[in-house]
Amino acid sequence: SYDKQLLREQLSFFYMPLMHSENIEHQKLSVDSFEKAGLIENSRFSKHHYEIVEHFGRFPHRNEVMGRESTPDEIAYLNSAQAFKG
């Protein structure tokens, strides 16, 4: 695969689109990829992104710009201190 041809420093950029996908399979691959590459800080962020998509099926902070209606659960999350807002 292409990631085997890249320098370790390049991998975080290569895997980044997976972390920002709302597809749960992409999210799983993101977590696995960052962990296998030993990119600890990126791995921490990818796990957080995974948890959001696993819980909501999407990133609630994108709802407004994407023209999606937020659920009551998403609104509560977005108003919380734990909210990821992009």
PDB file of N, CA and C in Angstrom:
ATOM      1  N   SER A   1       0.827  -1.186   0.000  1.00  0.00           N
ATOM      2  CA  SER A   1       0.000   0.000   0.000  1.00  0.00           C
ATOM      3  C   SER A   1       0.873   1.251   0.000  1.00  0.00           C
ATOM      4  N   TYR A   2       0.261   2.366  -0.326  1.00  0.00           N
ATOM      5  CA  TYR A   2       1.002   3.623  -0.469  1.00  0.00           C
ATOM      6  C   TYR A   2       1.661   4.078   0.827  1.00  0.00           C
ATOM      7  N   ASP A   3       1.020   3.796   1.963  1.00  0.00           N
ATOM      8  CA  ASP A   3       1.584   4.286   3.214  1.00  0.00           C
ATOM      9  C   ASP A   3       2.952   3.683   3.529  1.00  0.00           C
ATOM     10  N   LYS A   4       3.242   2.519   2.986  1.00  0.00           N
ATOM     11  CA  LYS A   4       4.549   1.884   3.191  1.00  0.00           C
ATOM     12  C   LYS A   4       5.657   2.636   2.455  1.00  0.00           C
ATOM     13  N   GLN A   5       5.283   3.479   1.509  1.00  0.00           N
ATOM     14  CA  GLN A   5       6.256   4.223   0.716  1.00  0.00           C
ATOM     15  C   GLN A   5       6.550   5.611   1.297  1.00  0.00           C
ATOM     16  N   LEU A   6       5.853   5.960   2.360  1.00  0.00           N
ATOM     17  CA  LEU A   6       5.981   7.308   2.925  1.00  0.00           C
ATOM     18  C   LEU A   6       6.856   7.317   4.168  1.00  0.00           C
ATOM     19  N   LEU A   7       7.419   8.474   4.430  1.00  0.00           N
ATOM     20  CA  LEU A   7       8.151   8.691   5.668  1.00  0.00           C
ATOM     21  C   LEU A   7       7.152   8.777   6.818  1.00  0.00           C
ATOM     22  N   ARG A   8       7.592   8.430   7.994  1.00  0.00           N
ATOM     23  CA  ARG A   8       6.718   8.472   9.172  1.00  0.00           C
ATOM     24  C   ARG A   8       6.079   9.858   9.331  1.00  0.00           C
ATOM     25  N   GLU A   9       6.862  10.902   9.074  1.00  0.00           N
ATOM     26  CA  GLU A   9       6.366  12.270   9.209  1.00  0.00           C
ATOM     27  C   GLU A   9       5.249  12.588   8.215  1.00  0.00           C
ATOM     28  N   GLN A  10       5.161  11.859   7.142  1.00  0.00           N
ATOM     29  CA  GLN A  10       4.146  12.093   6.115  1.00  0.00           C
ATOM     30  C   GLN A  10       2.849  11.332   6.403  1.00  0.00           C
ATOM     31  N   LEU A  11       2.946  10.310   7.230  1.00  0.00           N
ATOM     32  CA  LEU A  11       1.792   9.447   7.464  1.00  0.00           C
ATOM     33  C   LEU A  11       0.608  10.161   8.111  1.00  0.00           C
ATOM     34  N   SER A  12       0.885  11.111   8.990  1.00  0.00           N
ATOM     35  CA  SER A  12      -0.243  11.792   9.639  1.00  0.00           C
ATOM     36  C   SER A  12      -1.113  12.508   8.612  1.00  0.00           C
ATOM     37  N   PHE A  13      -0.496  13.059   7.581  1.00  0.00           N
ATOM     38  CA  PHE A  13      -1.258  13.730   6.524  1.00  0.00           C
ATOM     39  C   PHE A  13      -1.953  12.716   5.617  1.00  0.00           C
ATOM     40  N   PHE A  14      -1.318  11.596   5.398  1.00  0.00           N
ATOM     41  CA  PHE A  14      -1.886  10.554   4.550  1.00  0.00           C
ATOM     42  C   PHE A  14      -3.153   9.953   5.179  1.00  0.00           C
ATOM     43  N   TYR A  15      -3.111   9.749   6.507  1.00  0.00           N
ATOM     44  CA  TYR A  15      -4.254   9.139   7.205  1.00  0.00           C
ATOM     45  C   TYR A  15      -5.334  10.151   7.609  1.00  0.00           C
ATOM     46  N   MET A  16      -5.019  11.433   7.562  1.00  0.00           N
ATOM     47  CA  MET A  16      -5.935  12.475   8.037  1.00  0.00           C
ATOM     48  C   MET A  16      -7.341  12.405   7.419  1.00  0.00           C
ATOM     49  N   PRO A  17      -7.496  12.180   6.117  1.00  0.00           N
ATOM     50  CA  PRO A  17      -8.860  12.113   5.568  1.00  0.00           C
ATOM     51  C   PRO A  17      -9.713  11.022   6.202  1.00  0.00           C
ATOM     52  N   LEU A  18      -9.086   9.932   6.623  1.00  0.00           N
ATOM     53  CA  LEU A  18      -9.838   8.868   7.291  1.00  0.00           C
ATOM     54  C   LEU A  18     -10.418   9.361   8.608  1.00  0.00           C
ATOM     55  N   MET A  19      -9.628  10.143   9.348  1.00  0.00           N
ATOM     56  CA  MET A  19     -10.067  10.658  10.639  1.00  0.00           C
ATOM     57  C   MET A  19     -11.237  11.627  10.485  1.00  0.00           C
ATOM     58  N   HIS A  20     -11.336  12.286   9.345  1.00  0.00           N
ATOM     59  CA  HIS A  20     -12.381  13.289   9.159  1.00  0.00           C
ATOM     60  C   HIS A  20     -13.578  12.779   8.362  1.00  0.00           C
ATOM     61  N   SER A  21     -13.575  11.496   8.067  1.00  0.00           N
ATOM     62  CA  SER A  21     -14.702  10.871   7.376  1.00  0.00           C
ATOM     63  C   SER A  21     -15.806  10.553   8.384  1.00  0.00           C
ATOM     64  N   GLU A  22     -17.039  10.575   7.930  1.00  0.00           N
ATOM     65  CA  GLU A  22     -18.165  10.184   8.774  1.00  0.00           C
ATOM     66  C   GLU A  22     -18.521   8.703   8.578  1.00  0.00           C
ATOM     67  N   ASN A  23     -17.710   7.995   7.840  1.00  0.00           N
ATOM     68  CA  ASN A  23     -17.885   6.557   7.613  1.00  0.00           C
ATOM     69  C   ASN A  23     -17.184   5.807   8.751  1.00  0.00           C
ATOM     70  N   ILE A  24     -17.915   4.987   9.484  1.00  0.00           N
ATOM     71  CA  ILE A  24     -17.348   4.316  10.656  1.00  0.00           C
ATOM     72  C   ILE A  24     -16.211   3.370  10.281  1.00  0.00           C
ATOM     73  N   GLU A  25     -16.256   2.772   9.117  1.00  0.00           N
ATOM     74  CA  GLU A  25     -15.151   1.902   8.685  1.00  0.00           C
ATOM     75  C   GLU A  25     -13.886   2.715   8.448  1.00  0.00           C
ATOM     76  N   HIS A  26     -14.036   3.909   7.899  1.00  0.00           N
ATOM     77  CA  HIS A  26     -12.882   4.800   7.740  1.00  0.00           C
ATOM     78  C   HIS A  26     -12.330   5.186   9.111  1.00  0.00           C
ATOM     79  N   GLN A  27     -13.229   5.418  10.057  1.00  0.00           N
ATOM     80  CA  GLN A  27     -12.811   5.769  11.408  1.00  0.00           C
ATOM     81  C   GLN A  27     -11.997   4.641  12.053  1.00  0.00           C
ATOM     82  N   LYS A  28     -12.465   3.407  11.895  1.00  0.00           N
ATOM     83  CA  LYS A  28     -11.727   2.259  12.444  1.00  0.00           C
ATOM     84  C   LYS A  28     -10.347   2.164  11.808  1.00  0.00           C
ATOM     85  N   LEU A  29     -10.288   2.329  10.504  1.00  0.00           N
ATOM     86  CA  LEU A  29      -9.013   2.278   9.795  1.00  0.00           C
ATOM     87  C   LEU A  29      -8.096   3.406  10.246  1.00  0.00           C
ATOM     88  N   SER A  30      -8.646   4.572  10.514  1.00  0.00           N
ATOM     89  CA  SER A  30      -7.873   5.700  11.010  1.00  0.00           C
ATOM     90  C   SER A  30      -7.201   5.347  12.332  1.00  0.00           C
ATOM     91  N   VAL A  31      -7.977   4.860  13.277  1.00  0.00           N
ATOM     92  CA  VAL A  31      -7.433   4.496  14.586  1.00  0.00           C
ATOM     93  C   VAL A  31      -6.346   3.444  14.430  1.00  0.00           C
ATOM     94  N   ASP A  32      -6.634   2.397  13.674  1.00  0.00           N
ATOM     95  CA  ASP A  32      -5.654   1.326  13.468  1.00  0.00           C
ATOM     96  C   ASP A  32      -4.382   1.842  12.806  1.00  0.00           C
ATOM     97  N   SER A  33      -4.542   2.672  11.806  1.00  0.00           N
ATOM     98  CA  SER A  33      -3.394   3.172  11.050  1.00  0.00           C
ATOM     99  C   SER A  33      -2.495   4.059  11.900  1.00  0.00           C
ATOM    100  N   PHE A  34      -3.089   4.988  12.638  1.00  0.00           N
ATOM    101  CA  PHE A  34      -2.296   5.859  13.494  1.00  0.00           C
ATOM    102  C   PHE A  34      -1.591   5.066  14.589  1.00  0.00           C
ATOM    103  N   GLU A  35      -2.290   4.073  15.142  1.00  0.00           N
ATOM    104  CA  GLU A  35      -1.676   3.258  16.184  1.00  0.00           C
ATOM    105  C   GLU A  35      -0.500   2.457  15.635  1.00  0.00           C
ATOM    106  N   LYS A  36      -0.699   1.801  14.502  1.00  0.00           N
ATOM    107  CA  LYS A  36       0.372   0.992  13.901  1.00  0.00           C
ATOM    108  C   LYS A  36       1.580   1.837  13.534  1.00  0.00           C
ATOM    109  N   ALA A  37       1.356   3.084  13.150  1.00  0.00           N
ATOM    110  CA  ALA A  37       2.452   3.981  12.773  1.00  0.00           C
ATOM    111  C   ALA A  37       3.146   4.570  14.013  1.00  0.00           C
ATOM    112  N   GLY A  38       2.563   4.349  15.189  1.00  0.00           N
ATOM    113  CA  GLY A  38       3.142   4.887  16.411  1.00  0.00           C
ATOM    114  C   GLY A  38       2.969   6.388  16.548  1.00  0.00           C
ATOM    115  N   LEU A  39       1.970   6.929  15.885  1.00  0.00           N
ATOM    116  CA  LEU A  39       1.692   8.367  15.948  1.00  0.00           C
ATOM    117  C   LEU A  39       0.722   8.609  17.110  1.00  0.00           C
ATOM    118  N   ILE A  40       1.272   8.690  18.295  1.00  0.00           N
ATOM    119  CA  ILE A  40       0.499   8.692  19.533  1.00  0.00           C
ATOM    120  C   ILE A  40      -0.507   9.836  19.621  1.00  0.00           C
ATOM    121  N   GLU A  41      -0.063  11.050  19.359  1.00  0.00           N
ATOM    122  CA  GLU A  41      -0.968  12.204  19.458  1.00  0.00           C
ATOM    123  C   GLU A  41      -2.087  12.106  18.419  1.00  0.00           C
ATOM    124  N   ASN A  42      -1.739  11.734  17.199  1.00  0.00           N
ATOM    125  CA  ASN A  42      -2.760  11.554  16.164  1.00  0.00           C
ATOM    126  C   ASN A  42      -3.709  10.419  16.545  1.00  0.00           C
ATOM    127  N   SER A  43      -3.171   9.375  17.137  1.00  0.00           N
ATOM    128  CA  SER A  43      -3.986   8.249  17.561  1.00  0.00           C
ATOM    129  C   SER A  43      -5.016   8.684  18.600  1.00  0.00           C
ATOM    130  N   ARG A  44      -4.595   9.531  19.520  1.00  0.00           N
ATOM    131  CA  ARG A  44      -5.512  10.040  20.549  1.00  0.00           C
ATOM    132  C   ARG A  44      -6.667  10.808  19.897  1.00  0.00           C
ATOM    133  N   PHE A  45      -6.332  11.677  18.945  1.00  0.00           N
ATOM    134  CA  PHE A  45      -7.377  12.432  18.241  1.00  0.00           C
ATOM    135  C   PHE A  45      -8.262  11.514  17.397  1.00  0.00           C
ATOM    136  N   SER A  46      -7.663  10.522  16.753  1.00  0.00           N
ATOM    137  CA  SER A  46      -8.461   9.628  15.907  1.00  0.00           C
ATOM    138  C   SER A  46      -9.446   8.820  16.744  1.00  0.00           C
ATOM    139  N   LYS A  47      -9.055   8.431  17.946  1.00  0.00           N
ATOM    140  CA  LYS A  47      -9.972   7.711  18.836  1.00  0.00           C
ATOM    141  C   LYS A  47     -11.143   8.606  19.240  1.00  0.00           C
ATOM    142  N   HIS A  48     -10.845   9.872  19.502  1.00  0.00           N
ATOM    143  CA  HIS A  48     -11.911  10.808  19.860  1.00  0.00           C
ATOM    144  C   HIS A  48     -12.881  10.994  18.691  1.00  0.00           C
ATOM    145  N   HIS A  49     -12.355  11.154  17.487  1.00  0.00           N
ATOM    146  CA  HIS A  49     -13.199  11.283  16.296  1.00  0.00           C
ATOM    147  C   HIS A  49     -14.042  10.022  16.104  1.00  0.00           C
ATOM    148  N   TYR A  50     -13.405   8.855  16.285  1.00  0.00           N
ATOM    149  CA  TYR A  50     -14.119   7.584  16.157  1.00  0.00           C
ATOM    150  C   TYR A  50     -15.304   7.529  17.125  1.00  0.00           C
ATOM    151  N   GLU A  51     -15.064   7.906  18.372  1.00  0.00           N
ATOM    152  CA  GLU A  51     -16.126   7.858  19.378  1.00  0.00           C
ATOM    153  C   GLU A  51     -17.306   8.741  19.004  1.00  0.00           C
ATOM    154  N   ILE A  52     -17.030   9.892  18.418  1.00  0.00           N
ATOM    155  CA  ILE A  52     -18.105  10.801  18.010  1.00  0.00           C
ATOM    156  C   ILE A  52     -18.935  10.162  16.898  1.00  0.00           C
ATOM    157  N   VAL A  53     -18.261   9.648  15.872  1.00  0.00           N
ATOM    158  CA  VAL A  53     -18.987   9.035  14.744  1.00  0.00           C
ATOM    159  C   VAL A  53     -19.686   7.754  15.186  1.00  0.00           C
ATOM    160  N   GLU A  54     -19.068   7.006  16.078  1.00  0.00           N
ATOM    161  CA  GLU A  54     -19.702   5.786  16.581  1.00  0.00           C
ATOM    162  C   GLU A  54     -20.996   6.131  17.315  1.00  0.00           C
ATOM    163  N   HIS A  55     -20.951   7.186  18.111  1.00  0.00           N
ATOM    164  CA  HIS A  55     -22.119   7.568  18.903  1.00  0.00           C
ATOM    165  C   HIS A  55     -23.229   8.197  18.053  1.00  0.00           C
ATOM    166  N   PHE A  56     -22.848   9.161  17.208  1.00  0.00           N
ATOM    167  CA  PHE A  56     -23.850   9.927  16.470  1.00  0.00           C
ATOM    168  C   PHE A  56     -24.039   9.485  15.019  1.00  0.00           C
ATOM    169  N   GLY A  57     -23.079   8.742  14.482  1.00  0.00           N
ATOM    170  CA  GLY A  57     -23.148   8.358  13.067  1.00  0.00           C
ATOM    171  C   GLY A  57     -22.658   9.456  12.137  1.00  0.00           C
ATOM    172  N   ARG A  58     -22.184  10.547  12.729  1.00  0.00           N
ATOM    173  CA  ARG A  58     -21.705  11.708  11.974  1.00  0.00           C
ATOM    174  C   ARG A  58     -21.057  12.676  12.964  1.00  0.00           C
ATOM    175  N   PHE A  59     -20.529  13.773  12.440  1.00  0.00           N
ATOM    176  CA  PHE A  59     -19.972  14.833  13.276  1.00  0.00           C
ATOM    177  C   PHE A  59     -21.037  15.907  13.453  1.00  0.00           C
ATOM    178  N   PRO A  60     -21.616  16.010  14.647  1.00  0.00           N
ATOM    179  CA  PRO A  60     -22.691  16.985  14.865  1.00  0.00           C
ATOM    180  C   PRO A  60     -22.297  18.429  14.572  1.00  0.00           C
ATOM    181  N   HIS A  61     -21.023  18.782  14.744  1.00  0.00           N
ATOM    182  CA  HIS A  61     -20.626  20.177  14.508  1.00  0.00           C
ATOM    183  C   HIS A  61     -20.730  20.557  13.031  1.00  0.00           C
ATOM    184  N   ARG A  62     -20.905  19.583  12.154  1.00  0.00           N
ATOM    185  CA  ARG A  62     -21.052  19.857  10.718  1.00  0.00           C
ATOM    186  C   ARG A  62     -22.509  20.048  10.303  1.00  0.00           C
ATOM    187  N   ASN A  63     -23.431  19.751  11.187  1.00  0.00           N
ATOM    188  CA  ASN A  63     -24.844  19.733  10.804  1.00  0.00           C
ATOM    189  C   ASN A  63     -25.324  21.039  10.182  1.00  0.00           C
ATOM    190  N   GLU A  64     -25.031  22.137  10.817  1.00  0.00           N
ATOM    191  CA  GLU A  64     -25.530  23.419  10.319  1.00  0.00           C
ATOM    192  C   GLU A  64     -25.019  23.708   8.908  1.00  0.00           C
ATOM    193  N   VAL A  65     -23.715  23.580   8.717  1.00  0.00           N
ATOM    194  CA  VAL A  65     -23.130  23.892   7.413  1.00  0.00           C
ATOM    195  C   VAL A  65     -23.571  22.896   6.333  1.00  0.00           C
ATOM    196  N   MET A  66     -23.939  21.681   6.751  1.00  0.00           N
ATOM    197  CA  MET A  66     -24.372  20.664   5.796  1.00  0.00           C
ATOM    198  C   MET A  66     -25.888  20.664   5.604  1.00  0.00           C
ATOM    199  N   GLY A  67     -26.577  21.565   6.300  1.00  0.00           N
ATOM    200  CA  GLY A  67     -28.025  21.650   6.162  1.00  0.00           C
ATOM    201  C   GLY A  67     -28.752  20.499   6.825  1.00  0.00           C
ATOM    202  N   ARG A  68     -28.133  19.906   7.840  1.00  0.00           N
ATOM    203  CA  ARG A  68     -28.752  18.780   8.545  1.00  0.00           C
ATOM    204  C   ARG A  68     -29.365  19.277   9.848  1.00  0.00           C
ATOM    205  N   GLU A  69     -30.467  18.678  10.209  1.00  0.00           N
ATOM    206  CA  GLU A  69     -31.107  19.012  11.469  1.00  0.00           C
ATOM    207  C   GLU A  69     -30.443  18.227  12.587  1.00  0.00           C
ATOM    208  N   SER A  70     -30.081  18.904  13.647  1.00  0.00           N
ATOM    209  CA  SER A  70     -29.465  18.241  14.793  1.00  0.00           C
ATOM    210  C   SER A  70     -30.529  17.579  15.647  1.00  0.00           C
ATOM    211  N   THR A  71     -30.175  16.425  16.191  1.00  0.00           N
ATOM    212  CA  THR A  71     -31.065  15.729  17.124  1.00  0.00           C
ATOM    213  C   THR A  71     -30.919  16.371  18.499  1.00  0.00           C
ATOM    214  N   PRO A  72     -31.867  16.132  19.394  1.00  0.00           N
ATOM    215  CA  PRO A  72     -31.731  16.657  20.760  1.00  0.00           C
ATOM    216  C   PRO A  72     -30.428  16.184  21.435  1.00  0.00           C
ATOM    217  N   ASP A  73     -30.044  14.944  21.191  1.00  0.00           N
ATOM    218  CA  ASP A  73     -28.801  14.396  21.742  1.00  0.00           C
ATOM    219  C   ASP A  73     -27.586  15.156  21.200  1.00  0.00           C
ATOM    220  N   GLU A  74     -27.612  15.463  19.911  1.00  0.00           N
ATOM    221  CA  GLU A  74     -26.510  16.214  19.305  1.00  0.00           C
ATOM    222  C   GLU A  74     -26.446  17.640  19.849  1.00  0.00           C
ATOM    223  N   ILE A  75     -27.595  18.262  20.026  1.00  0.00           N
ATOM    224  CA  ILE A  75     -27.635  19.624  20.559  1.00  0.00           C
ATOM    225  C   ILE A  75     -27.067  19.646  21.979  1.00  0.00           C
ATOM    226  N   ALA A  76     -27.455  18.672  22.787  1.00  0.00           N
ATOM    227  CA  ALA A  76     -26.929  18.588  24.157  1.00  0.00           C
ATOM    228  C   ALA A  76     -25.413  18.415  24.123  1.00  0.00           C
ATOM    229  N   TYR A  77     -24.939  17.566  23.236  1.00  0.00           N
ATOM    230  CA  TYR A  77     -23.497  17.357  23.100  1.00  0.00           C
ATOM    231  C   TYR A  77     -22.791  18.651  22.659  1.00  0.00           C
ATOM    232  N   LEU A  78     -23.326  19.309  21.646  1.00  0.00           N
ATOM    233  CA  LEU A  78     -22.705  20.536  21.135  1.00  0.00           C
ATOM    234  C   LEU A  78     -22.673  21.660  22.175  1.00  0.00           C
ATOM    235  N   ASN A  79     -23.615  21.631  23.110  1.00  0.00           N
ATOM    236  CA  ASN A  79     -23.653  22.640  24.168  1.00  0.00           C
ATOM    237  C   ASN A  79     -22.824  22.238  25.395  1.00  0.00           C
ATOM    238  N   SER A  80     -22.229  21.070  25.340  1.00  0.00           N
ATOM    239  CA  SER A  80     -21.448  20.586  26.480  1.00  0.00           C
ATOM    240  C   SER A  80     -19.987  21.013  26.378  1.00  0.00           C
ATOM    241  N   ALA A  81     -19.291  20.892  27.478  1.00  0.00           N
ATOM    242  CA  ALA A  81     -17.859  21.215  27.518  1.00  0.00           C
ATOM    243  C   ALA A  81     -17.032  20.190  26.733  1.00  0.00           C
ATOM    244  N   GLN A  82     -17.576  19.002  26.504  1.00  0.00           N
ATOM    245  CA  GLN A  82     -16.864  17.952  25.789  1.00  0.00           C
ATOM    246  C   GLN A  82     -16.988  18.051  24.277  1.00  0.00           C
ATOM    247  N   ALA A  83     -17.778  18.971  23.800  1.00  0.00           N
ATOM    248  CA  ALA A  83     -18.081  19.057  22.363  1.00  0.00           C
ATOM    249  C   ALA A  83     -16.837  19.327  21.537  1.00  0.00           C
ATOM    250  N   PHE A  84     -16.730  18.593  20.452  1.00  0.00           N
ATOM    251  CA  PHE A  84     -15.715  18.857  19.421  1.00  0.00           C
ATOM    252  C   PHE A  84     -16.393  19.733  18.392  1.00  0.00           C
ATOM    253  N   LYS A  85     -15.807  20.870  18.107  1.00  0.00           N
ATOM    254  CA  LYS A  85     -16.468  21.816  17.209  1.00  0.00           C
ATOM    255  C   LYS A  85     -15.644  22.098  15.960  1.00  0.00           C
ATOM    256  N   GLY A  86     -14.732  21.203  15.656  1.00  0.00           N
ATOM    257  CA  GLY A  86     -13.961  21.329  14.421  1.00  0.00           C
ATOM    258  C   GLY A  86     -12.692  22.001  14.667  1.00  0.00           C
TER     259      GLY A  86
END
